[in-house]
Protein backbone atom coordinates (compact mmCIF):
# COMPACT_ATOMS: atom_id res chain seq x y z
CA MET A 1 121.23 147.65 121.28
CA THR A 2 122.33 151.19 122.82
CA PRO A 3 125.77 152.22 122.87
CA PHE A 4 126.76 153.91 126.09
CA PHE A 5 129.88 154.59 127.71
CA GLU A 6 130.89 154.28 130.92
CA SER A 7 132.60 156.37 133.32
CA ARG A 8 134.13 155.93 136.50
CA LEU A 9 134.85 157.36 139.46
CA ARG A 10 135.73 157.85 143.07
CA VAL A 11 133.76 159.02 146.37
CA ARG A 12 135.67 162.64 147.73
CA TYR A 13 135.11 163.09 150.96
CA ALA A 14 133.34 166.72 149.93
CA GLU A 15 130.65 164.58 147.77
CA THR A 16 129.18 162.52 151.13
CA ASP A 17 126.69 164.28 153.39
CA LYS A 18 126.43 163.96 157.34
CA MET A 19 125.01 161.12 157.28
CA GLY A 20 128.61 159.52 155.11
CA VAL A 21 126.24 158.59 152.04
CA VAL A 22 126.70 161.13 148.50
CA TYR A 23 124.95 164.28 148.36
CA TYR A 24 121.89 163.83 145.77
CA ALA A 25 122.80 166.78 143.99
CA ASN A 26 126.31 165.05 143.60
CA TYR A 27 124.43 162.59 141.08
CA LEU A 28 123.61 165.27 138.70
CA VAL A 29 127.05 166.14 138.29
CA TRP A 30 128.01 162.59 138.07
CA MET A 31 125.57 162.32 135.38
CA GLU A 32 127.56 165.36 133.79
CA VAL A 33 130.22 163.73 134.03
CA GLY A 34 129.56 160.83 131.81
CA ARG A 35 127.34 163.33 129.01
CA VAL A 36 130.47 164.99 128.79
CA GLU A 37 132.40 161.57 128.59
CA LEU A 38 130.14 160.45 126.08
CA CYS A 39 130.22 163.00 123.60
CA ARG A 40 134.05 162.75 123.49
CA ALA A 41 133.63 159.30 123.54
CA ARG A 42 131.26 159.88 120.19
CA GLY A 43 134.10 162.37 118.44
CA PHE A 44 133.09 165.91 120.05
CA SER A 45 133.05 168.00 123.42
CA TYR A 46 131.29 170.27 124.52
CA ARG A 47 133.69 172.56 124.50
CA ASP A 48 134.59 173.10 121.39
CA MET A 49 130.48 173.07 120.35
CA GLU A 50 130.30 175.89 122.11
CA LEU A 51 133.62 177.66 121.13
CA ALA A 52 133.54 177.04 117.18
CA ASP A 53 129.62 176.86 116.96
CA GLY A 54 128.03 178.75 119.28
CA VAL A 55 125.70 176.20 120.17
CA LEU A 56 125.02 175.32 123.57
CA MET A 57 123.17 172.13 125.28
CA ALA A 58 120.99 173.46 128.10
CA VAL A 59 119.37 171.61 130.36
CA ALA A 60 115.61 172.12 130.13
CA GLU A 61 114.43 168.39 132.68
CA ALA A 62 116.18 166.62 134.95
CA GLN A 63 115.07 163.44 136.64
CA CYS A 64 117.22 160.97 139.44
CA ARG A 65 115.82 157.58 141.42
CA TYR A 66 117.61 157.16 144.19
CA ARG A 67 118.31 154.03 144.53
CA ALA A 68 121.37 152.55 147.23
CA PRO A 69 123.14 154.84 149.15
CA ALA A 70 127.36 155.55 148.34
CA ARG A 71 130.01 156.26 150.36
CA PHE A 72 133.37 157.43 150.39
CA ASP A 73 135.92 156.01 148.06
CA ASP A 74 133.09 154.05 146.14
CA GLU A 75 134.03 152.95 142.99
CA VAL A 76 130.84 154.01 140.93
CA ILE A 77 130.53 153.33 137.37
CA VAL A 78 128.11 155.74 135.55
CA LYS A 79 126.42 154.66 132.44
CA THR A 80 125.14 157.32 129.42
CA TRP A 81 123.10 157.07 126.85
CA VAL A 82 121.45 159.48 124.72
CA GLU A 83 117.60 158.14 125.04
CA GLU A 84 116.16 160.49 122.34
CA ALA A 85 117.73 163.58 119.93
CA ASN A 86 116.36 165.46 116.48
CA LYS A 87 117.72 168.40 115.92
CA ARG A 88 116.56 170.73 118.69
CA VAL A 89 116.35 168.68 121.78
CA ALA A 90 118.26 165.88 123.18
CA THR A 91 117.21 163.70 125.69
CA PHE A 92 120.34 161.48 127.95
CA GLY A 93 120.08 158.86 129.92
CA TYR A 94 121.77 157.09 133.13
CA GLU A 95 122.47 154.22 135.69
CA MET A 96 124.66 154.93 138.49
CA ARG A 97 125.77 151.22 139.65
CA LEU A 98 128.78 150.46 142.20
CA ALA A 99 131.68 149.20 141.28
CA ALA A 100 131.87 146.47 144.03
CA THR A 101 128.26 144.56 143.63
CA ASP A 102 127.04 145.90 140.74
CA ALA A 103 124.41 147.41 142.39
CA VAL A 104 122.30 150.23 140.86
CA LEU A 105 122.53 153.52 143.32
CA ALA A 106 120.62 155.61 141.35
CA THR A 107 118.71 155.67 137.56
CA GLY A 108 118.33 159.36 135.98
CA SER A 109 117.98 161.16 132.15
CA THR A 110 118.47 164.61 131.16
CA LYS A 111 116.59 166.92 128.60
CA HIS A 112 118.83 169.20 126.55
CA VAL A 113 118.05 172.29 124.32
CA PHE A 114 120.33 173.31 121.79
CA VAL A 115 120.30 177.14 121.97
CA ASN A 116 122.81 180.18 120.64
CA ARG A 117 124.91 181.91 123.33
CA SER A 118 121.98 184.77 123.57
CA MET A 119 120.49 181.87 125.07
CA GLU A 120 117.46 181.23 121.63
CA ARG A 121 116.45 178.12 120.61
CA VAL A 122 118.49 176.52 117.40
CA ARG A 123 119.01 174.21 116.11
CA MET A 124 121.59 171.29 116.15
CA PRO A 125 124.39 171.80 113.68
CA GLU A 126 124.46 169.46 110.80
CA LYS A 127 127.60 168.58 112.01
CA TYR A 128 126.82 167.06 114.73
CA ARG A 129 123.47 164.90 113.81
CA PRO A 130 125.55 161.50 112.94
CA LEU A 131 126.67 161.46 116.65
CA PHE A 132 123.46 161.88 118.23
CA GLY A 133 121.74 158.98 115.25
CA LEU A 134 120.77 161.44 113.13
CA ASP A 135 121.40 161.73 109.45
CA ALA A 136 121.67 165.24 107.87
CA ALA A 137 117.76 164.64 106.29
CA ASP A 138 116.51 163.68 110.12
CA GLU A 139 113.54 166.17 111.27
CA GLY A 140 112.10 163.41 113.61
CA SER A 141 113.16 162.05 117.09
CA LEU A 142 115.68 158.82 117.40
CA SER A 143 115.22 156.11 120.67
CA GLU A 144 118.46 154.26 119.77
């Protein structure tokens, strides 16, 4: 079974549109919340990787499939996992559900390229590889 992490959030009024439903771009923000919390649960933070190691995870691709609307004050569960990873790229998967009914609101993925502060492609530092399911010698990809 793929290890995952669940984050919970409550829809703020500012996240809704004129129709009273969550504006579509906010789902990408929620994916970021899930991704940051998954990393923290796995033992590291984005901030530390950026500041201490000079490595950033630049978003190269994002996809979201909307299935049902969320509204103001709904509690949303963001399920996040590492879909695939190698030394240069990591892809995260997401599922957003309504806590009250377990209805799937949206599914998606983001693909990230490891870069330095000059935005040049780099390899994932070895100390982070086990946290993405890779061992130090692993050159291939991982599908957890």
